[in-house]
């Protein structure tokens, strides 16, 4: 299995393809991440990629895999990323 790109590799690839400096590209990525964290509660969309959303998970019953004991899992908030159809089609080839 191929390894994923590091932040340095992403910055370098974007820098080379756009002609922007690596410092500028890195700063844009950092600011975009900060904005995504701040706006996740309202949902944050990256056009052509997907949407970052905050969801409420209801309380539920689960099972301790070691002991088999039934346990209560409390309600909580979770962050989810929903991939856009355009992205799915581009990655999977429209399958």
PDB file of N, CA and C in Angstrom:
ATOM      1  N   UNK A   1       0.834  -1.176   0.000  1.00  0.00           N
ATOM      2  CA  UNK A   1       0.000   0.000   0.000  1.00  0.00           C
ATOM      3  C   UNK A   1       0.887   1.250   0.000  1.00  0.00           C
ATOM      4  N   UNK A   2       0.524   2.197  -0.822  1.00  0.00           N
ATOM      5  CA  UNK A   2       1.293   3.436  -0.918  1.00  0.00           C
ATOM      6  C   UNK A   2       1.063   4.293   0.317  1.00  0.00           C
ATOM      7  N   UNK A   3       2.079   5.057   0.688  1.00  0.00           N
ATOM      8  CA  UNK A   3       1.936   5.926   1.854  1.00  0.00           C
ATOM      9  C   UNK A   3       1.292   7.241   1.441  1.00  0.00           C
ATOM     10  N   UNK A   4       0.689   7.919   2.400  1.00  0.00           N
ATOM     11  CA  UNK A   4       0.052   9.196   2.103  1.00  0.00           C
ATOM     12  C   UNK A   4       1.105  10.308   2.081  1.00  0.00           C
ATOM     13  N   UNK A   5       0.766  11.402   1.411  1.00  0.00           N
ATOM     14  CA  UNK A   5       1.683  12.531   1.296  1.00  0.00           C
ATOM     15  C   UNK A   5       1.796  13.247   2.639  1.00  0.00           C
ATOM     16  N   UNK A   6       2.981  13.725   2.941  1.00  0.00           N
ATOM     17  CA  UNK A   6       3.184  14.534   4.140  1.00  0.00           C
ATOM     18  C   UNK A   6       2.782  15.971   3.829  1.00  0.00           C
ATOM     19  N   UNK A   7       2.674  16.781   4.867  1.00  0.00           N
ATOM     20  CA  UNK A   7       2.330  18.185   4.667  1.00  0.00           C
ATOM     21  C   UNK A   7       3.383  18.873   3.795  1.00  0.00           C
ATOM     22  N   UNK A   8       4.653  18.571   4.039  1.00  0.00           N
ATOM     23  CA  UNK A   8       5.736  19.169   3.252  1.00  0.00           C
ATOM     24  C   UNK A   8       5.581  18.804   1.774  1.00  0.00           C
ATOM     25  N   UNK A   9       5.248  17.560   1.494  1.00  0.00           N
ATOM     26  CA  UNK A   9       5.078  17.121   0.106  1.00  0.00           C
ATOM     27  C   UNK A   9       3.871  17.795  -0.544  1.00  0.00           C
ATOM     28  N   UNK A  10       2.798  17.966   0.204  1.00  0.00           N
ATOM     29  CA  UNK A  10       1.605  18.649  -0.321  1.00  0.00           C
ATOM     30  C   UNK A  10       1.938  20.105  -0.632  1.00  0.00           C
ATOM     31  N   UNK A  11       2.593  20.761   0.307  1.00  0.00           N
ATOM     32  CA  UNK A  11       2.974  22.168   0.110  1.00  0.00           C
ATOM     33  C   UNK A  11       3.874  22.305  -1.113  1.00  0.00           C
ATOM     34  N   UNK A  12       4.851  21.426  -1.251  1.00  0.00           N
ATOM     35  CA  UNK A  12       5.779  21.485  -2.382  1.00  0.00           C
ATOM     36  C   UNK A  12       5.053  21.270  -3.712  1.00  0.00           C
ATOM     37  N   UNK A  13       4.147  20.287  -3.757  1.00  0.00           N
ATOM     38  CA  UNK A  13       3.409  19.991  -4.991  1.00  0.00           C
ATOM     39  C   UNK A  13       2.523  21.165  -5.399  1.00  0.00           C
ATOM     40  N   UNK A  14       1.819  21.760  -4.434  1.00  0.00           N
ATOM     41  CA  UNK A  14       0.967  22.909  -4.748  1.00  0.00           C
ATOM     42  C   UNK A  14       1.816  24.107  -5.159  1.00  0.00           C
ATOM     43  N   UNK A  15       2.927  24.303  -4.478  1.00  0.00           N
ATOM     44  CA  UNK A  15       3.830  25.405  -4.804  1.00  0.00           C
ATOM     45  C   UNK A  15       4.344  25.293  -6.229  1.00  0.00           C
ATOM     46  N   UNK A  16       4.766  24.097  -6.609  1.00  0.00           N
ATOM     47  CA  UNK A  16       5.301  23.887  -7.962  1.00  0.00           C
ATOM     48  C   UNK A  16       4.230  24.078  -9.032  1.00  0.00           C
ATOM     49  N   UNK A  17       3.001  23.653  -8.755  1.00  0.00           N
ATOM     50  CA  UNK A  17       1.960  23.738  -9.780  1.00  0.00           C
ATOM     51  C   UNK A  17       1.332  25.129  -9.882  1.00  0.00           C
ATOM     52  N   UNK A  18       1.440  25.948  -8.822  1.00  0.00           N
ATOM     53  CA  UNK A  18       0.826  27.274  -8.862  1.00  0.00           C
ATOM     54  C   UNK A  18       1.819  28.417  -9.018  1.00  0.00           C
ATOM     55  N   UNK A  19       3.082  28.163  -8.716  1.00  0.00           N
ATOM     56  CA  UNK A  19       4.074  29.221  -8.790  1.00  0.00           C
ATOM     57  C   UNK A  19       4.137  30.067  -7.523  1.00  0.00           C
ATOM     58  N   UNK A  20       3.343  29.713  -6.520  1.00  0.00           N
ATOM     59  CA  UNK A  20       3.396  30.420  -5.234  1.00  0.00           C
ATOM     60  C   UNK A  20       4.564  29.885  -4.419  1.00  0.00           C
ATOM     61  N   UNK A  21       5.016  30.697  -3.453  1.00  0.00           N
ATOM     62  CA  UNK A  21       6.108  30.227  -2.606  1.00  0.00           C
ATOM     63  C   UNK A  21       5.584  29.158  -1.649  1.00  0.00           C
ATOM     64  N   UNK A  22       6.483  28.292  -1.191  1.00  0.00           N
ATOM     65  CA  UNK A  22       6.088  27.237  -0.256  1.00  0.00           C
ATOM     66  C   UNK A  22       5.584  27.850   1.046  1.00  0.00           C
ATOM     67  N   UNK A  23       6.177  28.968   1.449  1.00  0.00           N
ATOM     68  CA  UNK A  23       5.749  29.648   2.675  1.00  0.00           C
ATOM     69  C   UNK A  23       4.304  30.127   2.538  1.00  0.00           C
ATOM     70  N   UNK A  24       3.951  30.711   1.387  1.00  0.00           N
ATOM     71  CA  UNK A  24       2.585  31.192   1.161  1.00  0.00           C
ATOM     72  C   UNK A  24       1.590  30.044   1.133  1.00  0.00           C
ATOM     73  N   UNK A  25       1.943  28.972   0.458  1.00  0.00           N
ATOM     74  CA  UNK A  25       1.059  27.802   0.373  1.00  0.00           C
ATOM     75  C   UNK A  25       0.836  27.210   1.762  1.00  0.00           C
ATOM     76  N   UNK A  26       1.896  27.098   2.532  1.00  0.00           N
ATOM     77  CA  UNK A  26       1.798  26.560   3.882  1.00  0.00           C
ATOM     78  C   UNK A  26       0.885  27.430   4.745  1.00  0.00           C
ATOM     79  N   UNK A  27       1.023  28.739   4.619  1.00  0.00           N
ATOM     80  CA  UNK A  27       0.198  29.665   5.394  1.00  0.00           C
ATOM     81  C   UNK A  27      -1.278  29.549   5.003  1.00  0.00           C
ATOM     82  N   UNK A  28      -1.549  29.420   3.716  1.00  0.00           N
ATOM     83  CA  UNK A  28      -2.933  29.259   3.254  1.00  0.00           C
ATOM     84  C   UNK A  28      -3.533  27.970   3.815  1.00  0.00           C
ATOM     85  N   UNK A  29      -2.790  26.882   3.783  1.00  0.00           N
ATOM     86  CA  UNK A  29      -3.289  25.614   4.319  1.00  0.00           C
ATOM     87  C   UNK A  29      -3.559  25.715   5.820  1.00  0.00           C
ATOM     88  N   UNK A  30      -2.687  26.379   6.559  1.00  0.00           N
ATOM     89  CA  UNK A  30      -2.876  26.550   8.000  1.00  0.00           C
ATOM     90  C   UNK A  30      -4.107  27.393   8.292  1.00  0.00           C
ATOM     91  N   UNK A  31      -4.298  28.474   7.549  1.00  0.00           N
ATOM     92  CA  UNK A  31      -5.461  29.344   7.744  1.00  0.00           C
ATOM     93  C   UNK A  31      -6.749  28.617   7.374  1.00  0.00           C
ATOM     94  N   UNK A  32      -6.700  27.799   6.333  1.00  0.00           N
ATOM     95  CA  UNK A  32      -7.878  27.031   5.940  1.00  0.00           C
ATOM     96  C   UNK A  32      -8.247  26.029   7.035  1.00  0.00           C
ATOM     97  N   UNK A  33      -7.253  25.380   7.619  1.00  0.00           N
ATOM     98  CA  UNK A  33      -7.500  24.436   8.712  1.00  0.00           C
ATOM     99  C   UNK A  33      -8.101  25.163   9.912  1.00  0.00           C
ATOM    100  N   UNK A  34      -7.560  26.325  10.270  1.00  0.00           N
ATOM    101  CA  UNK A  34      -8.095  27.103  11.389  1.00  0.00           C
ATOM    102  C   UNK A  34      -9.557  27.470  11.143  1.00  0.00           C
ATOM    103  N   UNK A  35      -9.863  27.906   9.929  1.00  0.00           N
ATOM    104  CA  UNK A  35     -11.229  28.275   9.575  1.00  0.00           C
ATOM    105  C   UNK A  35     -12.148  27.057   9.638  1.00  0.00           C
ATOM    106  N   UNK A  36     -11.671  25.909   9.183  1.00  0.00           N
ATOM    107  CA  UNK A  36     -12.462  24.681   9.224  1.00  0.00           C
ATOM    108  C   UNK A  36     -12.791  24.295  10.663  1.00  0.00           C
ATOM    109  N   UNK A  37     -11.818  24.402  11.576  1.00  0.00           N
ATOM    110  CA  UNK A  37     -12.047  24.076  12.985  1.00  0.00           C
ATOM    111  C   UNK A  37     -13.092  25.015  13.581  1.00  0.00           C
ATOM    112  N   UNK A  38     -12.978  26.295  13.237  1.00  0.00           N
ATOM    113  CA  UNK A  38     -13.867  27.313  13.778  1.00  0.00           C
ATOM    114  C   UNK A  38     -15.301  27.151  13.265  1.00  0.00           C
ATOM    115  N   UNK A  39     -15.452  26.794  11.994  1.00  0.00           N
ATOM    116  CA  UNK A  39     -16.762  26.734  11.350  1.00  0.00           C
ATOM    117  C   UNK A  39     -17.383  25.341  11.289  1.00  0.00           C
ATOM    118  N   UNK A  40     -16.740  24.333  11.859  1.00  0.00           N
ATOM    119  CA  UNK A  40     -17.250  22.956  11.767  1.00  0.00           C
ATOM    120  C   UNK A  40     -18.661  22.830  12.327  1.00  0.00           C
ATOM    121  N   UNK A  41     -18.991  23.603  13.350  1.00  0.00           N
ATOM    122  CA  UNK A  41     -20.330  23.543  13.931  1.00  0.00           C
ATOM    123  C   UNK A  41     -21.411  23.982  12.963  1.00  0.00           C
ATOM    124  N   UNK A  42     -21.066  24.842  12.019  1.00  0.00           N
ATOM    125  CA  UNK A  42     -22.013  25.316  11.008  1.00  0.00           C
ATOM    126  C   UNK A  42     -21.855  24.549   9.709  1.00  0.00           C
ATOM    127  N   UNK A  43     -20.908  23.667   9.639  1.00  0.00           N
ATOM    128  CA  UNK A  43     -20.454  22.893   8.488  1.00  0.00           C
ATOM    129  C   UNK A  43     -19.497  23.740   7.658  1.00  0.00           C
ATOM    130  N   UNK A  44     -18.433  23.137   7.229  1.00  0.00           N
ATOM    131  CA  UNK A  44     -17.387  23.811   6.457  1.00  0.00           C
ATOM    132  C   UNK A  44     -17.173  23.014   5.181  1.00  0.00           C
ATOM    133  N   UNK A  45     -17.404  23.642   4.043  1.00  0.00           N
ATOM    134  CA  UNK A  45     -17.303  22.962   2.760  1.00  0.00           C
ATOM    135  C   UNK A  45     -16.006  23.322   2.052  1.00  0.00           C
ATOM    136  N   UNK A  46     -15.330  22.291   1.561  1.00  0.00           N
ATOM    137  CA  UNK A  46     -14.178  22.480   0.686  1.00  0.00           C
ATOM    138  C   UNK A  46     -14.683  22.099  -0.701  1.00  0.00           C
ATOM    139  N   UNK A  47     -14.935  23.084  -1.562  1.00  0.00           N
ATOM    140  CA  UNK A  47     -15.537  22.804  -2.860  1.00  0.00           C
ATOM    141  C   UNK A  47     -14.784  21.713  -3.633  1.00  0.00           C
ATOM    142  N   UNK A  48     -15.537  20.756  -4.131  1.00  0.00           N
ATOM    143  CA  UNK A  48     -14.966  19.668  -4.909  1.00  0.00           C
ATOM    144  C   UNK A  48     -14.358  18.548  -4.084  1.00  0.00           C
ATOM    145  N   UNK A  49     -14.320  18.699  -2.766  1.00  0.00           N
ATOM    146  CA  UNK A  49     -13.725  17.689  -1.886  1.00  0.00           C
ATOM    147  C   UNK A  49     -14.778  17.119  -0.939  1.00  0.00           C
ATOM    148  N   UNK A  50     -15.374  17.984  -0.138  1.00  0.00           N
ATOM    149  CA  UNK A  50     -16.379  17.516   0.800  1.00  0.00           C
ATOM    150  C   UNK A  50     -16.717  18.535   1.855  1.00  0.00           C
ATOM    151  N   UNK A  51     -17.398  18.055   2.908  1.00  0.00           N
ATOM    152  CA  UNK A  51     -17.908  18.941   3.948  1.00  0.00           C
ATOM    153  C   UNK A  51     -17.569  18.391   5.319  1.00  0.00           C
ATOM    154  N   UNK A  52     -17.092  19.263   6.194  1.00  0.00           N
ATOM    155  CA  UNK A  52     -16.809  18.942   7.583  1.00  0.00           C
ATOM    156  C   UNK A  52     -18.028  19.364   8.397  1.00  0.00           C
ATOM    157  N   UNK A  53     -18.637  18.421   9.137  1.00  0.00           N
ATOM    158  CA  UNK A  53     -19.848  18.718   9.895  1.00  0.00           C
ATOM    159  C   UNK A  53     -19.738  18.198  11.323  1.00  0.00           C
ATOM    160  N   UNK A  54     -20.453  18.867  12.215  1.00  0.00           N
ATOM    161  CA  UNK A  54     -20.538  18.459  13.607  1.00  0.00           C
ATOM    162  C   UNK A  54     -21.875  17.744  13.780  1.00  0.00           C
ATOM    163  N   UNK A  55     -21.855  16.526  14.308  1.00  0.00           N
ATOM    164  CA  UNK A  55     -23.077  15.745  14.487  1.00  0.00           C
ATOM    165  C   UNK A  55     -23.245  15.353  15.954  1.00  0.00           C
ATOM    166  N   UNK A  56     -24.497  15.197  16.357  1.00  0.00           N
ATOM    167  CA  UNK A  56     -24.813  14.735  17.707  1.00  0.00           C
ATOM    168  C   UNK A  56     -25.051  13.238  17.656  1.00  0.00           C
ATOM    169  N   UNK A  57     -24.324  12.489  18.477  1.00  0.00           N
ATOM    170  CA  UNK A  57     -24.534  11.048  18.573  1.00  0.00           C
ATOM    171  C   UNK A  57     -25.394  10.776  19.802  1.00  0.00           C
ATOM    172  N   UNK A  58     -26.425   9.990  19.630  1.00  0.00           N
ATOM    173  CA  UNK A  58     -27.333   9.671  20.724  1.00  0.00           C
ATOM    174  C   UNK A  58     -26.678   8.679  21.693  1.00  0.00           C
ATOM    175  N   UNK A  59     -27.202   8.660  22.913  1.00  0.00           N
ATOM    176  CA  UNK A  59     -26.751   7.669  23.886  1.00  0.00           C
ATOM    177  C   UNK A  59     -27.141   6.284  23.357  1.00  0.00           C
ATOM    178  N   UNK A  60     -26.297   5.298  23.614  1.00  0.00           N
ATOM    179  CA  UNK A  60     -26.600   3.948  23.134  1.00  0.00           C
ATOM    180  C   UNK A  60     -25.992   2.915  24.067  1.00  0.00           C
ATOM    181  N   UNK A  61     -26.405   1.690  23.877  1.00  0.00           N
ATOM    182  CA  UNK A  61     -25.866   0.582  24.663  1.00  0.00           C
ATOM    183  C   UNK A  61     -24.787  -0.106  23.827  1.00  0.00           C
ATOM    184  N   UNK A  62     -23.696  -0.474  24.483  1.00  0.00           N
ATOM    185  CA  UNK A  62     -22.607  -1.164  23.810  1.00  0.00           C
ATOM    186  C   UNK A  62     -22.181  -2.359  24.636  1.00  0.00           C
ATOM    187  N   UNK A  63     -21.140  -3.004  24.210  1.00  0.00           N
ATOM    188  CA  UNK A  63     -20.675  -4.190  24.911  1.00  0.00           C
ATOM    189  C   UNK A  63     -19.162  -4.116  25.057  1.00  0.00           C
ATOM    190  N   UNK A  64     -18.690  -4.379  26.270  1.00  0.00           N
ATOM    191  CA  UNK A  64     -17.259  -4.444  26.522  1.00  0.00           C
ATOM    192  C   UNK A  64     -16.746  -5.727  25.856  1.00  0.00           C
ATOM    193  N   UNK A  65     -15.868  -5.629  24.858  1.00  0.00           N
ATOM    194  CA  UNK A  65     -15.434  -6.830  24.133  1.00  0.00           C
ATOM    195  C   UNK A  65     -14.629  -7.805  24.998  1.00  0.00           C
ATOM    196  N   UNK A  66     -13.993  -7.298  26.022  1.00  0.00           N
ATOM    197  CA  UNK A  66     -13.187  -8.165  26.883  1.00  0.00           C
ATOM    198  C   UNK A  66     -14.048  -8.998  27.828  1.00  0.00           C
ATOM    199  N   UNK A  67     -15.040  -8.336  28.442  1.00  0.00           N
ATOM    200  CA  UNK A  67     -15.842  -9.035  29.460  1.00  0.00           C
ATOM    201  C   UNK A  67     -17.219  -9.435  28.967  1.00  0.00           C
ATOM    202  N   UNK A  68     -17.680  -8.823  27.875  1.00  0.00           N
ATOM    203  CA  UNK A  68     -19.016  -9.113  27.373  1.00  0.00           C
ATOM    204  C   UNK A  68     -20.094  -8.342  28.122  1.00  0.00           C
ATOM    205  N   UNK A  69     -19.681  -7.530  29.106  1.00  0.00           N
ATOM    206  CA  UNK A  69     -20.618  -6.759  29.922  1.00  0.00           C
ATOM    207  C   UNK A  69     -21.264  -5.657  29.070  1.00  0.00           C
ATOM    208  N   UNK A  70     -22.570  -5.448  29.245  1.00  0.00           N
ATOM    209  CA  UNK A  70     -23.280  -4.376  28.559  1.00  0.00           C
ATOM    210  C   UNK A  70     -22.971  -3.064  29.269  1.00  0.00           C
ATOM    211  N   UNK A  71     -22.640  -2.037  28.476  1.00  0.00           N
ATOM    212  CA  UNK A  71     -22.314  -0.733  29.049  1.00  0.00           C
ATOM    213  C   UNK A  71     -23.097   0.352  28.325  1.00  0.00           C
ATOM    214  N   UNK A  72     -23.297   1.469  29.017  1.00  0.00           N
ATOM    215  CA  UNK A  72     -23.977   2.613  28.433  1.00  0.00           C
ATOM    216  C   UNK A  72     -22.915   3.540  27.847  1.00  0.00           C
ATOM    217  N   UNK A  73     -23.097   3.891  26.575  1.00  0.00           N
ATOM    218  CA  UNK A  73     -22.193   4.833  25.912  1.00  0.00           C
ATOM    219  C   UNK A  73     -22.929   6.166  25.872  1.00  0.00           C
ATOM    220  N   UNK A  74     -22.400   7.192  26.535  1.00  0.00           N
ATOM    221  CA  UNK A  74     -23.122   8.467  26.637  1.00  0.00           C
ATOM    222  C   UNK A  74     -23.222   9.196  25.292  1.00  0.00           C
ATOM    223  N   UNK A  75     -24.202  10.088  25.213  1.00  0.00           N
ATOM    224  CA  UNK A  75     -24.364  10.933  24.029  1.00  0.00           C
ATOM    225  C   UNK A  75     -23.146  11.841  23.914  1.00  0.00           C
ATOM    226  N   UNK A  76     -22.790  12.178  22.688  1.00  0.00           N
ATOM    227  CA  UNK A  76     -21.650  13.067  22.481  1.00  0.00           C
ATOM    228  C   UNK A  76     -21.723  13.716  21.112  1.00  0.00           C
ATOM    229  N   UNK A  77     -20.882  14.710  20.933  1.00  0.00           N
ATOM    230  CA  UNK A  77     -20.753  15.352  19.622  1.00  0.00           C
ATOM    231  C   UNK A  77     -19.561  14.719  18.918  1.00  0.00           C
ATOM    232  N   UNK A  78     -19.654  14.628  17.593  1.00  0.00           N
ATOM    233  CA  UNK A  78     -18.562  14.063  16.811  1.00  0.00           C
ATOM    234  C   UNK A  78     -18.393  14.887  15.533  1.00  0.00           C
ATOM    235  N   UNK A  79     -17.184  14.906  15.022  1.00  0.00           N
ATOM    236  CA  UNK A  79     -16.889  15.585  13.759  1.00  0.00           C
ATOM    237  C   UNK A  79     -16.843  14.528  12.671  1.00  0.00           C
ATOM    238  N   UNK A  80     -17.553  14.795  11.568  1.00  0.00           N
ATOM    239  CA  UNK A  80     -17.554  13.872  10.432  1.00  0.00           C
ATOM    240  C   UNK A  80     -17.165  14.630   9.178  1.00  0.00           C
ATOM    241  N   UNK A  81     -16.583  13.895   8.239  1.00  0.00           N
ATOM    242  CA  UNK A  81     -16.268  14.475   6.940  1.00  0.00           C
ATOM    243  C   UNK A  81     -17.068  13.725   5.901  1.00  0.00           C
ATOM    244  N   UNK A  82     -17.881  14.451   5.157  1.00  0.00           N
ATOM    245  CA  UNK A  82     -18.710  13.855   4.109  1.00  0.00           C
ATOM    246  C   UNK A  82     -18.093  14.191   2.753  1.00  0.00           C
ATOM    247  N   UNK A  83     -17.660  13.173   2.062  1.00  0.00           N
ATOM    248  CA  UNK A  83     -16.994  13.341   0.764  1.00  0.00           C
ATOM    249  C   UNK A  83     -18.033  13.696  -0.297  1.00  0.00           C
ATOM    250  N   UNK A  84     -17.707  14.661  -1.152  1.00  0.00           N
ATOM    251  CA  UNK A  84     -18.631  15.092  -2.194  1.00  0.00           C
ATOM    252  C   UNK A  84     -18.715  14.060  -3.316  1.00  0.00           C
ATOM    253  N   UNK A  85     -19.816  14.103  -4.041  1.00  0.00           N
ATOM    254  CA  UNK A  85     -20.011  13.173  -5.166  1.00  0.00           C
ATOM    255  C   UNK A  85     -18.945  13.402  -6.236  1.00  0.00           C
ATOM    256  N   UNK A  86     -18.590  14.647  -6.480  1.00  0.00           N
ATOM    257  CA  UNK A  86     -17.565  14.975  -7.474  1.00  0.00           C
ATOM    258  C   UNK A  86     -16.246  14.299  -7.100  1.00  0.00           C
ATOM    259  N   UNK A  87     -15.884  14.349  -5.827  1.00  0.00           N
ATOM    260  CA  UNK A  87     -14.651  13.738  -5.359  1.00  0.00           C
ATOM    261  C   UNK A  87     -14.717  12.215  -5.489  1.00  0.00           C
ATOM    262  N   UNK A  88     -15.834  11.635  -5.075  1.00  0.00           N
ATOM    263  CA  UNK A  88     -15.994  10.172  -5.179  1.00  0.00           C
ATOM    264  C   UNK A  88     -15.843   9.719  -6.631  1.00  0.00           C
ATOM    265  N   UNK A  89     -16.519  10.441  -7.534  1.00  0.00           N
ATOM    266  CA  UNK A  89     -16.448  10.078  -8.951  1.00  0.00           C
ATOM    267  C   UNK A  89     -15.035  10.221  -9.513  1.00  0.00           C
ATOM    268  N   UNK A  90     -14.316  11.270  -9.091  1.00  0.00           N
ATOM    269  CA  UNK A  90     -12.955  11.478  -9.584  1.00  0.00           C
ATOM    270  C   UNK A  90     -12.006  10.409  -9.067  1.00  0.00           C
ATOM    271  N   UNK A  91     -12.158  10.028  -7.800  1.00  0.00           N
ATOM    272  CA  UNK A  91     -11.257   9.040  -7.196  1.00  0.00           C
ATOM    273  C   UNK A  91     -11.602   7.626  -7.646  1.00  0.00           C
ATOM    274  N   UNK A  92     -12.892   7.325  -7.684  1.00  0.00           N
ATOM    275  CA  UNK A  92     -13.325   5.965  -8.012  1.00  0.00           C
ATOM    276  C   UNK A  92     -13.602   5.767  -9.503  1.00  0.00           C
ATOM    277  N   UNK A  93     -13.484   6.813 -10.277  1.00  0.00           N
ATOM    278  CA  UNK A  93     -13.702   6.688 -11.710  1.00  0.00           C
ATOM    279  C   UNK A  93     -15.167   6.573 -12.086  1.00  0.00           C
ATOM    280  N   UNK A  94     -16.049   7.174 -11.307  1.00  0.00           N
ATOM    281  CA  UNK A  94     -17.472   7.138 -11.617  1.00  0.00           C
ATOM    282  C   UNK A  94     -18.136   5.804 -11.381  1.00  0.00           C
ATOM    283  N   UNK A  95     -17.453   4.917 -10.651  1.00  0.00           N
ATOM    284  CA  UNK A  95     -18.010   3.583 -10.397  1.00  0.00           C
ATOM    285  C   UNK A  95     -19.098   3.603  -9.380  1.00  0.00           C
TER     286      UNK A  95
END
